[in-house]
Amino acid sequence: MRKRAFDVAVGGATLLLLLPALAVIAALVRIRLGAPILFTQSRPGLGGKPFTIYKFRTMSDAKDADGTLLPDADRLTGLGRLLRAASLDEIPELFNVVKGDMSLVGPRPLLMRYLPYYSPRERLRHAVRPGITGWAQIHGRNQAPWDARLAMDVWYVEHWSLSLDVRILGRTIWQVITRAGVAVNSAEIEPDLARERETARGARRVQ
């Protein structure tokens, strides 16, 4: 309950403080990229139950001659790169925090299709609400190997305290200011978890 109260108080106050920035960014996205302004996607939340995450849209809808969307790297716009580099695209997630879908701090909500690939221990990451930032995010972010990253998520769940959340938020603010470890296009450095683990399973079967 203390964690939820902290999220509502700090998340709500931050959202109100950033409303002018939200309005400006929303206008820029609408002018440069058109509608919709927000990127929405189903992600696993508390207990693995899906919720809709909100982010500012950073990519265009550019398609090839066959009508297929171009790769993410080709659709990421200049404005999108700027928003991602400054982590401004994630500000709408504060609405998720106030709604109760997310927490300010917790394991990042990954893709729904990754759910079957977690080990029983790694599934503990869903014992708490997912966060805008987390223990793994201040220790390598997308650059950390999946096994290490998921292990850090579990460590956070098992060692949670309000003071730990405050420490993580402080480190996150510093990383955002210095842009330390920020990957503008995470697909360029982050392997696909499902593919990685399917490959590992195939290798074990061959042995």
N, C-alpha and C. Protein backbone atom coordinates (compact mmCIF):
# COMPACT_ATOMS: atom_id res chain seq x y z
N MET A 1 0.82 -1.21 0.00
CA MET A 1 0.00 0.00 0.00
C MET A 1 0.86 1.27 0.00
N ARG A 2 1.99 1.21 0.70
CA ARG A 2 2.88 2.37 0.72
C ARG A 2 3.40 2.67 -0.68
N LYS A 3 3.71 1.62 -1.42
CA LYS A 3 4.23 1.79 -2.78
C LYS A 3 3.18 2.44 -3.68
N ARG A 4 1.93 1.98 -3.57
CA ARG A 4 0.87 2.53 -4.40
C ARG A 4 0.60 3.99 -4.03
N ALA A 5 0.59 4.29 -2.74
CA ALA A 5 0.38 5.66 -2.30
C ALA A 5 1.49 6.57 -2.82
N PHE A 6 2.72 6.08 -2.78
CA PHE A 6 3.87 6.82 -3.29
C PHE A 6 3.71 7.08 -4.79
N ASP A 7 3.28 6.04 -5.53
CA ASP A 7 3.09 6.18 -6.97
C ASP A 7 2.04 7.24 -7.30
N VAL A 8 0.92 7.19 -6.60
CA VAL A 8 -0.17 8.13 -6.87
C VAL A 8 0.26 9.55 -6.55
N ALA A 9 0.90 9.73 -5.39
CA ALA A 9 1.31 11.07 -4.97
C ALA A 9 2.38 11.65 -5.89
N VAL A 10 3.47 10.92 -6.09
CA VAL A 10 4.58 11.42 -6.91
C VAL A 10 4.24 11.40 -8.40
N GLY A 11 3.61 10.31 -8.84
CA GLY A 11 3.24 10.22 -10.25
C GLY A 11 2.23 11.27 -10.64
N GLY A 12 1.21 11.48 -9.79
CA GLY A 12 0.20 12.48 -10.07
C GLY A 12 0.77 13.89 -10.09
N ALA A 13 1.63 14.20 -9.11
CA ALA A 13 2.24 15.53 -9.04
C ALA A 13 3.15 15.77 -10.25
N THR A 14 3.90 14.75 -10.63
CA THR A 14 4.80 14.88 -11.80
C THR A 14 4.00 15.08 -13.07
N LEU A 15 2.89 14.36 -13.19
CA LEU A 15 2.04 14.50 -14.37
C LEU A 15 1.50 15.91 -14.48
N LEU A 16 1.03 16.47 -13.37
CA LEU A 16 0.53 17.84 -13.38
C LEU A 16 1.63 18.83 -13.74
N LEU A 17 2.82 18.60 -13.20
CA LEU A 17 3.96 19.47 -13.47
C LEU A 17 4.35 19.44 -14.94
N LEU A 18 4.20 18.28 -15.57
CA LEU A 18 4.65 18.11 -16.95
C LEU A 18 3.54 18.34 -17.99
N LEU A 19 2.35 18.76 -17.53
CA LEU A 19 1.25 18.97 -18.48
C LEU A 19 1.61 19.94 -19.61
N PRO A 20 2.31 21.07 -19.34
CA PRO A 20 2.69 21.95 -20.45
C PRO A 20 3.60 21.25 -21.45
N ALA A 21 4.57 20.46 -20.95
CA ALA A 21 5.46 19.72 -21.84
C ALA A 21 4.69 18.68 -22.64
N LEU A 22 3.73 18.01 -21.99
CA LEU A 22 2.89 17.04 -22.68
C LEU A 22 2.15 17.68 -23.84
N ALA A 23 1.61 18.87 -23.60
CA ALA A 23 0.85 19.58 -24.64
C ALA A 23 1.73 19.95 -25.82
N VAL A 24 2.94 20.44 -25.53
CA VAL A 24 3.87 20.83 -26.61
C VAL A 24 4.30 19.62 -27.41
N ILE A 25 4.67 18.53 -26.73
CA ILE A 25 5.11 17.33 -27.43
C ILE A 25 3.97 16.74 -28.26
N ALA A 26 2.78 16.73 -27.69
CA ALA A 26 1.62 16.20 -28.42
C ALA A 26 1.39 17.00 -29.70
N ALA A 27 1.53 18.31 -29.62
CA ALA A 27 1.34 19.16 -30.80
C ALA A 27 2.41 18.88 -31.85
N LEU A 28 3.65 18.71 -31.42
CA LEU A 28 4.74 18.42 -32.36
C LEU A 28 4.53 17.08 -33.05
N VAL A 29 4.13 16.08 -32.28
CA VAL A 29 3.89 14.76 -32.86
C VAL A 29 2.75 14.83 -33.87
N ARG A 30 1.69 15.57 -33.53
CA ARG A 30 0.53 15.69 -34.43
C ARG A 30 0.94 16.38 -35.72
N ILE A 31 1.77 17.42 -35.64
CA ILE A 31 2.21 18.16 -36.82
C ILE A 31 3.16 17.33 -37.67
N ARG A 32 4.13 16.69 -37.03
CA ARG A 32 5.17 15.96 -37.77
C ARG A 32 4.74 14.57 -38.23
N LEU A 33 3.98 13.87 -37.40
CA LEU A 33 3.64 12.48 -37.69
C LEU A 33 2.16 12.24 -37.95
N GLY A 34 1.34 13.20 -37.59
CA GLY A 34 -0.09 13.03 -37.77
C GLY A 34 -0.69 12.22 -36.64
N ALA A 35 -1.90 11.73 -36.87
CA ALA A 35 -2.59 10.92 -35.86
C ALA A 35 -2.27 9.43 -36.09
N PRO A 36 -2.29 8.64 -35.01
CA PRO A 36 -2.54 9.02 -33.62
C PRO A 36 -1.30 9.64 -32.98
N ILE A 37 -1.51 10.39 -31.93
CA ILE A 37 -0.39 11.01 -31.22
C ILE A 37 0.30 9.99 -30.33
N LEU A 38 -0.49 9.08 -29.76
CA LEU A 38 0.06 8.10 -28.83
C LEU A 38 0.28 6.74 -29.49
N PHE A 39 1.33 6.08 -29.08
CA PHE A 39 1.57 4.68 -29.42
C PHE A 39 0.98 3.86 -28.28
N THR A 40 0.14 2.92 -28.60
CA THR A 40 -0.45 2.06 -27.59
C THR A 40 -0.17 0.60 -27.92
N GLN A 41 0.04 -0.20 -26.88
CA GLN A 41 0.34 -1.62 -27.09
C GLN A 41 -0.02 -2.40 -25.84
N SER A 42 -0.47 -3.62 -26.02
CA SER A 42 -0.79 -4.48 -24.89
C SER A 42 0.50 -5.03 -24.29
N ARG A 43 0.66 -4.88 -22.99
CA ARG A 43 1.83 -5.38 -22.29
C ARG A 43 1.38 -6.14 -21.03
N PRO A 44 2.19 -7.08 -20.54
CA PRO A 44 1.82 -7.80 -19.31
C PRO A 44 2.07 -6.95 -18.07
N GLY A 45 1.07 -6.89 -17.21
CA GLY A 45 1.19 -6.12 -15.98
C GLY A 45 1.24 -7.01 -14.76
N LEU A 46 0.67 -6.55 -13.67
CA LEU A 46 0.65 -7.31 -12.42
C LEU A 46 0.00 -8.68 -12.65
N GLY A 47 0.70 -9.72 -12.24
CA GLY A 47 0.20 -11.08 -12.44
C GLY A 47 0.23 -11.53 -13.88
N GLY A 48 0.89 -10.76 -14.75
CA GLY A 48 0.95 -11.11 -16.16
C GLY A 48 -0.29 -10.71 -16.95
N LYS A 49 -1.24 -10.05 -16.28
CA LYS A 49 -2.48 -9.64 -16.97
C LYS A 49 -2.19 -8.45 -17.88
N PRO A 50 -2.73 -8.48 -19.09
CA PRO A 50 -2.44 -7.42 -20.07
C PRO A 50 -3.08 -6.07 -19.72
N PHE A 51 -2.37 -5.02 -20.07
CA PHE A 51 -2.89 -3.66 -19.97
C PHE A 51 -2.38 -2.90 -21.18
N THR A 52 -2.93 -1.73 -21.43
CA THR A 52 -2.51 -0.91 -22.57
C THR A 52 -1.52 0.14 -22.11
N ILE A 53 -0.32 0.08 -22.66
CA ILE A 53 0.71 1.06 -22.30
C ILE A 53 0.62 2.25 -23.25
N TYR A 54 0.90 3.45 -22.73
CA TYR A 54 0.85 4.67 -23.53
C TYR A 54 2.25 5.27 -23.67
N LYS A 55 2.60 5.63 -24.90
CA LYS A 55 3.83 6.35 -25.17
C LYS A 55 3.56 7.34 -26.29
N PHE A 56 4.39 8.36 -26.39
CA PHE A 56 4.28 9.23 -27.55
C PHE A 56 4.78 8.48 -28.78
N ARG A 57 4.09 8.65 -29.86
CA ARG A 57 4.48 8.00 -31.11
C ARG A 57 5.79 8.58 -31.61
N THR A 58 6.69 7.71 -32.06
CA THR A 58 8.01 8.16 -32.53
C THR A 58 8.32 7.70 -33.94
N MET A 59 7.47 6.85 -34.52
CA MET A 59 7.74 6.31 -35.85
C MET A 59 6.63 6.65 -36.84
N SER A 60 7.00 6.75 -38.09
CA SER A 60 6.03 7.01 -39.14
C SER A 60 5.37 5.69 -39.56
N ASP A 61 4.41 5.79 -40.46
CA ASP A 61 3.74 4.60 -40.99
C ASP A 61 4.26 4.24 -42.38
N ALA A 62 5.50 4.59 -42.67
CA ALA A 62 6.07 4.36 -44.00
C ALA A 62 6.06 2.88 -44.36
N LYS A 63 5.65 2.59 -45.59
CA LYS A 63 5.55 1.21 -46.07
C LYS A 63 6.32 1.03 -47.37
N ASP A 64 6.62 -0.22 -47.70
CA ASP A 64 7.30 -0.49 -48.96
C ASP A 64 6.27 -0.61 -50.08
N ALA A 65 6.73 -0.98 -51.27
CA ALA A 65 5.85 -1.05 -52.44
C ALA A 65 4.73 -2.08 -52.27
N ASP A 66 4.95 -3.07 -51.42
CA ASP A 66 3.95 -4.11 -51.19
C ASP A 66 2.97 -3.75 -50.07
N GLY A 67 3.15 -2.59 -49.49
CA GLY A 67 2.27 -2.17 -48.41
C GLY A 67 2.67 -2.67 -47.05
N THR A 68 3.90 -3.21 -46.93
CA THR A 68 4.40 -3.72 -45.66
C THR A 68 5.17 -2.63 -44.93
N LEU A 69 4.93 -2.50 -43.64
CA LEU A 69 5.65 -1.49 -42.87
C LEU A 69 7.15 -1.69 -42.98
N LEU A 70 7.88 -0.59 -43.15
CA LEU A 70 9.33 -0.66 -43.20
C LEU A 70 9.88 -1.02 -41.82
N PRO A 71 11.14 -1.50 -41.74
CA PRO A 71 11.74 -1.79 -40.43
C PRO A 71 11.72 -0.57 -39.53
N ASP A 72 11.73 -0.82 -38.22
CA ASP A 72 11.66 0.26 -37.24
C ASP A 72 12.71 1.34 -37.49
N ALA A 73 13.93 0.91 -37.82
CA ALA A 73 15.02 1.87 -38.01
C ALA A 73 14.72 2.84 -39.14
N ASP A 74 13.98 2.38 -40.15
CA ASP A 74 13.65 3.24 -41.30
C ASP A 74 12.45 4.13 -41.02
N ARG A 75 11.65 3.79 -40.02
CA ARG A 75 10.45 4.57 -39.70
C ARG A 75 10.66 5.53 -38.54
N LEU A 76 11.78 5.37 -37.84
CA LEU A 76 12.07 6.25 -36.72
C LEU A 76 12.44 7.64 -37.24
N THR A 77 11.68 8.63 -36.86
CA THR A 77 11.87 9.99 -37.38
C THR A 77 12.86 10.78 -36.55
N GLY A 78 13.25 11.94 -37.07
CA GLY A 78 14.15 12.81 -36.33
C GLY A 78 13.55 13.24 -35.00
N LEU A 79 12.27 13.60 -35.03
CA LEU A 79 11.58 13.96 -33.79
C LEU A 79 11.53 12.77 -32.85
N GLY A 80 11.28 11.58 -33.42
CA GLY A 80 11.22 10.37 -32.60
C GLY A 80 12.54 10.09 -31.92
N ARG A 81 13.64 10.27 -32.65
CA ARG A 81 14.97 10.06 -32.06
C ARG A 81 15.22 11.02 -30.91
N LEU A 82 14.80 12.26 -31.10
CA LEU A 82 14.97 13.27 -30.05
C LEU A 82 14.16 12.90 -28.81
N LEU A 83 12.90 12.49 -29.01
CA LEU A 83 12.05 12.12 -27.89
C LEU A 83 12.61 10.91 -27.14
N ARG A 84 13.09 9.93 -27.89
CA ARG A 84 13.65 8.73 -27.24
C ARG A 84 14.95 9.03 -26.52
N ALA A 85 15.80 9.84 -27.13
CA ALA A 85 17.09 10.16 -26.52
C ALA A 85 16.91 10.87 -25.18
N ALA A 86 15.85 11.67 -25.08
CA ALA A 86 15.57 12.40 -23.83
C ALA A 86 14.55 11.68 -22.96
N SER A 87 14.14 10.48 -23.39
CA SER A 87 13.13 9.67 -22.67
C SER A 87 11.79 10.40 -22.56
N LEU A 88 11.54 11.37 -23.43
CA LEU A 88 10.29 12.12 -23.38
C LEU A 88 9.12 11.32 -23.93
N ASP A 89 9.41 10.33 -24.75
CA ASP A 89 8.33 9.51 -25.32
C ASP A 89 7.61 8.70 -24.24
N GLU A 90 8.25 8.53 -23.08
CA GLU A 90 7.66 7.70 -22.02
C GLU A 90 6.83 8.49 -21.01
N ILE A 91 6.75 9.81 -21.16
CA ILE A 91 5.98 10.62 -20.21
C ILE A 91 4.53 10.15 -20.08
N PRO A 92 3.84 9.77 -21.19
CA PRO A 92 2.44 9.33 -21.04
C PRO A 92 2.26 8.10 -20.15
N GLU A 93 3.34 7.38 -19.86
CA GLU A 93 3.23 6.24 -18.96
C GLU A 93 2.83 6.67 -17.55
N LEU A 94 2.97 7.96 -17.26
CA LEU A 94 2.50 8.48 -15.97
C LEU A 94 0.99 8.29 -15.82
N PHE A 95 0.27 8.33 -16.95
CA PHE A 95 -1.17 8.04 -16.91
C PHE A 95 -1.38 6.59 -16.47
N ASN A 96 -0.53 5.67 -16.96
CA ASN A 96 -0.61 4.27 -16.54
C ASN A 96 -0.36 4.13 -15.05
N VAL A 97 0.56 4.95 -14.53
CA VAL A 97 0.88 4.89 -13.10
C VAL A 97 -0.33 5.35 -12.27
N VAL A 98 -0.90 6.47 -12.65
CA VAL A 98 -2.05 7.00 -11.91
C VAL A 98 -3.24 6.04 -11.99
N LYS A 99 -3.43 5.41 -13.15
CA LYS A 99 -4.53 4.45 -13.33
C LYS A 99 -4.33 3.19 -12.49
N GLY A 100 -3.08 2.86 -12.20
CA GLY A 100 -2.80 1.65 -11.44
C GLY A 100 -2.30 0.50 -12.29
N ASP A 101 -2.07 0.75 -13.59
CA ASP A 101 -1.52 -0.28 -14.46
C ASP A 101 -0.03 -0.50 -14.18
N MET A 102 0.65 0.60 -13.83
CA MET A 102 2.09 0.57 -13.65
C MET A 102 2.48 1.26 -12.34
N SER A 103 3.76 1.12 -12.02
CA SER A 103 4.35 1.81 -10.88
C SER A 103 5.44 2.72 -11.42
N LEU A 104 5.88 3.68 -10.63
CA LEU A 104 7.01 4.49 -11.05
C LEU A 104 8.26 3.61 -11.21
N VAL A 105 8.41 2.66 -10.28
CA VAL A 105 9.58 1.78 -10.30
C VAL A 105 9.13 0.32 -10.29
N GLY A 106 9.76 -0.48 -11.13
CA GLY A 106 9.44 -1.90 -11.20
C GLY A 106 10.05 -2.49 -12.46
N PRO A 107 9.94 -3.77 -12.67
CA PRO A 107 10.44 -4.37 -13.90
C PRO A 107 9.73 -3.77 -15.11
N ARG A 108 10.46 -3.46 -16.16
CA ARG A 108 9.84 -2.88 -17.34
C ARG A 108 8.85 -3.86 -17.97
N PRO A 109 7.69 -3.38 -18.43
CA PRO A 109 6.73 -4.27 -19.08
C PRO A 109 7.23 -4.64 -20.48
N LEU A 110 7.52 -5.89 -20.69
CA LEU A 110 8.05 -6.35 -21.97
C LEU A 110 6.90 -6.75 -22.89
N LEU A 111 7.18 -7.56 -23.90
CA LEU A 111 6.15 -7.94 -24.87
C LEU A 111 5.33 -9.13 -24.39
N MET A 112 4.07 -9.16 -24.77
CA MET A 112 3.20 -10.27 -24.38
C MET A 112 3.74 -11.60 -24.90
N ARG A 113 4.33 -11.59 -26.08
CA ARG A 113 4.79 -12.85 -26.66
C ARG A 113 6.02 -13.42 -25.95
N TYR A 114 6.59 -12.67 -25.03
CA TYR A 114 7.73 -13.18 -24.26
C TYR A 114 7.29 -14.05 -23.09
N LEU A 115 6.02 -13.97 -22.70
CA LEU A 115 5.55 -14.65 -21.49
C LEU A 115 5.90 -16.14 -21.43
N PRO A 116 5.77 -16.91 -22.51
CA PRO A 116 6.07 -18.34 -22.42
C PRO A 116 7.56 -18.66 -22.23
N TYR A 117 8.41 -17.67 -22.39
CA TYR A 117 9.86 -17.92 -22.38
C TYR A 117 10.53 -17.61 -21.05
N TYR A 118 9.76 -17.18 -20.05
CA TYR A 118 10.35 -16.94 -18.74
C TYR A 118 10.47 -18.25 -17.96
N SER A 119 11.52 -18.36 -17.17
CA SER A 119 11.65 -19.49 -16.26
C SER A 119 10.69 -19.25 -15.09
N PRO A 120 10.37 -20.28 -14.30
CA PRO A 120 9.49 -20.07 -13.14
C PRO A 120 9.98 -18.94 -12.23
N ARG A 121 11.29 -18.87 -12.03
CA ARG A 121 11.82 -17.81 -11.16
C ARG A 121 11.67 -16.44 -11.82
N GLU A 122 11.90 -16.37 -13.12
CA GLU A 122 11.79 -15.09 -13.81
C GLU A 122 10.36 -14.56 -13.82
N ARG A 123 9.39 -15.46 -13.69
CA ARG A 123 7.99 -15.02 -13.66
C ARG A 123 7.66 -14.22 -12.40
N LEU A 124 8.56 -14.25 -11.42
CA LEU A 124 8.36 -13.43 -10.22
C LEU A 124 8.36 -11.95 -10.55
N ARG A 125 8.89 -11.57 -11.71
CA ARG A 125 8.92 -10.16 -12.10
C ARG A 125 7.49 -9.61 -12.23
N HIS A 126 6.50 -10.51 -12.40
CA HIS A 126 5.12 -10.07 -12.51
C HIS A 126 4.39 -10.08 -11.17
N ALA A 127 5.13 -10.28 -10.08
CA ALA A 127 4.53 -10.24 -8.74
C ALA A 127 4.30 -8.80 -8.28
N VAL A 128 4.86 -7.84 -9.02
CA VAL A 128 4.66 -6.42 -8.74
C VAL A 128 4.24 -5.72 -10.03
N ARG A 129 3.73 -4.52 -9.91
CA ARG A 129 3.38 -3.76 -11.11
C ARG A 129 4.64 -3.41 -11.89
N PRO A 130 4.58 -3.43 -13.20
CA PRO A 130 5.73 -3.01 -14.00
C PRO A 130 5.99 -1.53 -13.80
N GLY A 131 7.22 -1.10 -14.07
CA GLY A 131 7.59 0.28 -13.80
C GLY A 131 8.05 1.06 -15.01
N ILE A 132 8.02 2.38 -14.88
CA ILE A 132 8.59 3.26 -15.90
C ILE A 132 10.11 3.08 -15.91
N THR A 133 10.68 2.90 -14.73
CA THR A 133 12.10 2.61 -14.60
C THR A 133 12.25 1.48 -13.59
N GLY A 134 13.46 0.95 -13.47
CA GLY A 134 13.66 -0.17 -12.56
C GLY A 134 15.12 -0.43 -12.27
N TRP A 135 15.38 -1.45 -11.46
CA TRP A 135 16.74 -1.82 -11.06
C TRP A 135 17.58 -2.16 -12.29
N ALA A 136 16.99 -2.90 -13.24
CA ALA A 136 17.73 -3.28 -14.44
C ALA A 136 18.02 -2.05 -15.31
N GLN A 137 17.12 -1.07 -15.30
CA GLN A 137 17.30 0.11 -16.14
C GLN A 137 18.46 0.98 -15.69
N ILE A 138 18.80 0.94 -14.41
CA ILE A 138 19.95 1.74 -13.96
C ILE A 138 21.22 0.89 -13.90
N HIS A 139 21.11 -0.35 -14.39
CA HIS A 139 22.28 -1.24 -14.45
C HIS A 139 22.41 -1.87 -15.85
N GLY A 140 22.44 -1.00 -16.84
CA GLY A 140 22.68 -1.48 -18.19
C GLY A 140 21.55 -1.30 -19.17
N ARG A 141 20.32 -1.16 -18.66
CA ARG A 141 19.16 -0.97 -19.53
C ARG A 141 19.12 -2.05 -20.60
N ASN A 142 18.88 -1.67 -21.84
CA ASN A 142 18.73 -2.64 -22.94
C ASN A 142 20.05 -3.32 -23.29
N GLN A 143 21.17 -2.79 -22.80
CA GLN A 143 22.46 -3.35 -23.16
C GLN A 143 22.83 -4.56 -22.31
N ALA A 144 22.11 -4.80 -21.23
CA ALA A 144 22.39 -5.96 -20.38
C ALA A 144 21.84 -7.22 -21.04
N PRO A 145 22.57 -8.35 -20.96
CA PRO A 145 22.05 -9.61 -21.51
C PRO A 145 20.73 -9.97 -20.85
N TRP A 146 19.86 -10.68 -21.59
CA TRP A 146 18.55 -11.00 -21.06
C TRP A 146 18.59 -11.72 -19.73
N ASP A 147 19.45 -12.74 -19.58
CA ASP A 147 19.49 -13.50 -18.33
C ASP A 147 19.80 -12.59 -17.15
N ALA A 148 20.77 -11.69 -17.34
CA ALA A 148 21.15 -10.77 -16.27
C ALA A 148 20.04 -9.76 -16.00
N ARG A 149 19.44 -9.28 -17.04
CA ARG A 149 18.38 -8.28 -16.90
C ARG A 149 17.17 -8.84 -16.16
N LEU A 150 16.76 -10.04 -16.52
CA LEU A 150 15.61 -10.65 -15.85
C LEU A 150 15.94 -11.02 -14.41
N ALA A 151 17.20 -11.42 -14.18
CA ALA A 151 17.64 -11.73 -12.81
C ALA A 151 17.59 -10.46 -11.94
N MET A 152 17.92 -9.32 -12.52
CA MET A 152 17.86 -8.07 -11.77
C MET A 152 16.41 -7.69 -11.45
N ASP A 153 15.49 -8.01 -12.37
CA ASP A 153 14.07 -7.76 -12.10
C ASP A 153 13.60 -8.56 -10.88
N VAL A 154 14.01 -9.83 -10.83
CA VAL A 154 13.63 -10.69 -9.70
C VAL A 154 14.27 -10.19 -8.41
N TRP A 155 15.53 -9.77 -8.51
CA TRP A 155 16.22 -9.24 -7.33
C TRP A 155 15.43 -8.05 -6.77
N TYR A 156 14.96 -7.19 -7.65
CA TYR A 156 14.19 -6.02 -7.20
C TYR A 156 12.93 -6.46 -6.45
N VAL A 157 12.20 -7.43 -7.02
CA VAL A 157 10.97 -7.90 -6.38
C VAL A 157 11.26 -8.43 -4.97
N GLU A 158 12.36 -9.15 -4.83
CA GLU A 158 12.69 -9.79 -3.55
C GLU A 158 13.30 -8.82 -2.54
N HIS A 159 13.77 -7.67 -3.00
CA HIS A 159 14.43 -6.73 -2.09
C HIS A 159 13.74 -5.37 -2.05
N TRP A 160 12.49 -5.31 -2.52
CA TRP A 160 11.82 -4.01 -2.61
C TRP A 160 11.74 -3.30 -1.27
N SER A 161 11.93 -2.00 -1.34
CA SER A 161 11.65 -1.10 -0.21
C SER A 161 11.40 0.27 -0.81
N LEU A 162 10.73 1.13 -0.06
CA LEU A 162 10.45 2.48 -0.55
C LEU A 162 11.75 3.25 -0.77
N SER A 163 12.72 3.02 0.12
CA SER A 163 14.00 3.71 -0.04
C SER A 163 14.72 3.25 -1.30
N LEU A 164 14.55 1.97 -1.67
CA LEU A 164 15.16 1.47 -2.91
C LEU A 164 14.52 2.16 -4.11
N ASP A 165 13.19 2.33 -4.08
CA ASP A 165 12.52 3.03 -5.17
C ASP A 165 13.04 4.46 -5.32
N VAL A 166 13.23 5.13 -4.19
CA VAL A 166 13.74 6.51 -4.23
C VAL A 166 15.14 6.53 -4.83
N ARG A 167 15.99 5.58 -4.45
CA ARG A 167 17.34 5.49 -5.02
C ARG A 167 17.29 5.29 -6.53
N ILE A 168 16.43 4.39 -6.97
CA ILE A 168 16.32 4.09 -8.40
C ILE A 168 15.82 5.31 -9.17
N LEU A 169 14.84 6.01 -8.61
CA LEU A 169 14.33 7.21 -9.27
C LEU A 169 15.42 8.28 -9.38
N GLY A 170 16.22 8.43 -8.32
CA GLY A 170 17.30 9.40 -8.35
C GLY A 170 18.32 9.07 -9.42
N ARG A 171 18.71 7.79 -9.51
CA ARG A 171 19.67 7.36 -10.53
C ARG A 171 19.08 7.53 -11.92
N THR A 172 17.79 7.27 -12.07
CA THR A 172 17.15 7.39 -13.37
C THR A 172 17.15 8.83 -13.85
N ILE A 173 16.82 9.76 -12.94
CA ILE A 173 16.83 11.18 -13.31
C ILE A 173 18.21 11.60 -13.78
N TRP A 174 19.25 11.12 -13.09
CA TRP A 174 20.63 11.45 -13.49
C TRP A 174 20.95 10.86 -14.87
N GLN A 175 20.51 9.63 -15.12
CA GLN A 175 20.77 9.00 -16.42
C GLN A 175 20.04 9.74 -17.54
N VAL A 176 18.82 10.19 -17.26
CA VAL A 176 18.07 10.93 -18.27
C VAL A 176 18.78 12.25 -18.59
N ILE A 177 19.27 12.93 -17.55
CA ILE A 177 19.96 14.20 -17.75
C ILE A 177 21.25 14.00 -18.55
N THR A 178 22.00 12.96 -18.22
CA THR A 178 23.28 12.71 -18.88
C THR A 178 23.16 11.82 -20.12
N ARG A 179 21.94 11.25 -20.31
CA ARG A 179 21.66 10.32 -21.41
C ARG A 179 22.57 9.10 -21.37
N ALA A 180 22.94 8.70 -20.17
CA ALA A 180 23.81 7.55 -19.99
C ALA A 180 23.07 6.26 -20.32
N GLY A 181 23.64 5.45 -21.22
CA GLY A 181 23.08 4.15 -21.54
C GLY A 181 21.80 4.17 -22.34
N VAL A 182 21.43 5.33 -22.89
CA VAL A 182 20.18 5.43 -23.64
C VAL A 182 20.39 4.91 -25.05
N ALA A 183 19.55 3.96 -25.47
CA ALA A 183 19.58 3.44 -26.83
C ALA A 183 18.38 4.01 -27.57
N VAL A 184 18.62 4.85 -28.56
CA VAL A 184 17.53 5.49 -29.28
C VAL A 184 16.68 4.44 -30.00
N ASN A 185 17.35 3.45 -30.60
CA ASN A 185 16.63 2.35 -31.25
C ASN A 185 17.07 1.06 -30.58
N SER A 186 16.30 0.61 -29.60
CA SER A 186 16.69 -0.56 -28.81
C SER A 186 16.80 -1.82 -29.66
N ALA A 187 16.08 -1.87 -30.79
CA ALA A 187 16.12 -3.06 -31.64
C ALA A 187 17.52 -3.29 -32.20
N GLU A 188 18.33 -2.24 -32.25
CA GLU A 188 19.67 -2.37 -32.80
C GLU A 188 20.63 -3.06 -31.83
N ILE A 189 20.33 -3.04 -30.53
CA ILE A 189 21.25 -3.62 -29.56
C ILE A 189 20.61 -4.72 -28.71
N GLU A 190 19.27 -4.79 -28.72
CA GLU A 190 18.58 -5.74 -27.85
C GLU A 190 18.09 -6.94 -28.66
N PRO A 191 18.62 -8.13 -28.39
CA PRO A 191 18.15 -9.31 -29.12
C PRO A 191 16.72 -9.66 -28.75
N ASP A 192 16.05 -10.35 -29.64
CA ASP A 192 14.68 -10.78 -29.39
C ASP A 192 14.71 -11.94 -28.39
N LEU A 193 14.04 -11.78 -27.24
CA LEU A 193 14.09 -12.80 -26.19
C LEU A 193 13.52 -14.13 -26.67
N ALA A 194 12.41 -14.10 -27.37
CA ALA A 194 11.79 -15.34 -27.84
C ALA A 194 12.72 -16.08 -28.79
N ARG A 195 13.30 -15.36 -29.73
CA ARG A 195 14.21 -15.98 -30.69
C ARG A 195 15.45 -16.53 -29.99
N GLU A 196 15.98 -15.75 -29.04
CA GLU A 196 17.18 -16.17 -28.32
C GLU A 196 16.93 -17.46 -27.55
N ARG A 197 15.79 -17.57 -26.91
CA ARG A 197 15.51 -18.74 -26.09
C ARG A 197 15.06 -19.94 -26.92
N GLU A 198 14.42 -19.68 -28.05
CA GLU A 198 14.10 -20.78 -28.97
C GLU A 198 15.38 -21.39 -29.52
N THR A 199 16.35 -20.54 -29.83
CA THR A 199 17.64 -21.02 -30.32
C THR A 199 18.34 -21.85 -29.26
N ALA A 200 18.28 -21.38 -28.00
CA ALA A 200 18.91 -22.11 -26.90
C ALA A 200 18.23 -23.47 -26.69
N ARG A 201 16.92 -23.50 -26.79
CA ARG A 201 16.19 -24.76 -26.65
C ARG A 201 16.55 -25.74 -27.76
N GLY A 202 16.68 -25.20 -28.98
CA GLY A 202 17.06 -26.05 -30.11
C GLY A 202 18.44 -26.63 -29.92
N ALA A 203 19.37 -25.81 -29.39
CA ALA A 203 20.72 -26.29 -29.16
C ALA A 203 20.76 -27.39 -28.11
N ARG A 204 19.92 -27.26 -27.06
CA ARG A 204 19.87 -28.30 -26.03
C ARG A 204 19.29 -29.61 -26.56
N ARG A 205 18.30 -29.50 -27.47
CA ARG A 205 17.71 -30.71 -28.04
C ARG A 205 18.72 -31.45 -28.90
N VAL A 206 19.55 -30.69 -29.62
CA VAL A 206 20.58 -31.30 -30.48
C VAL A 206 21.59 -32.05 -29.64
N GLN A 207 21.94 -31.49 -28.49
CA GLN A 207 22.91 -32.14 -27.60
C GLN A 207 22.34 -33.43 -27.02
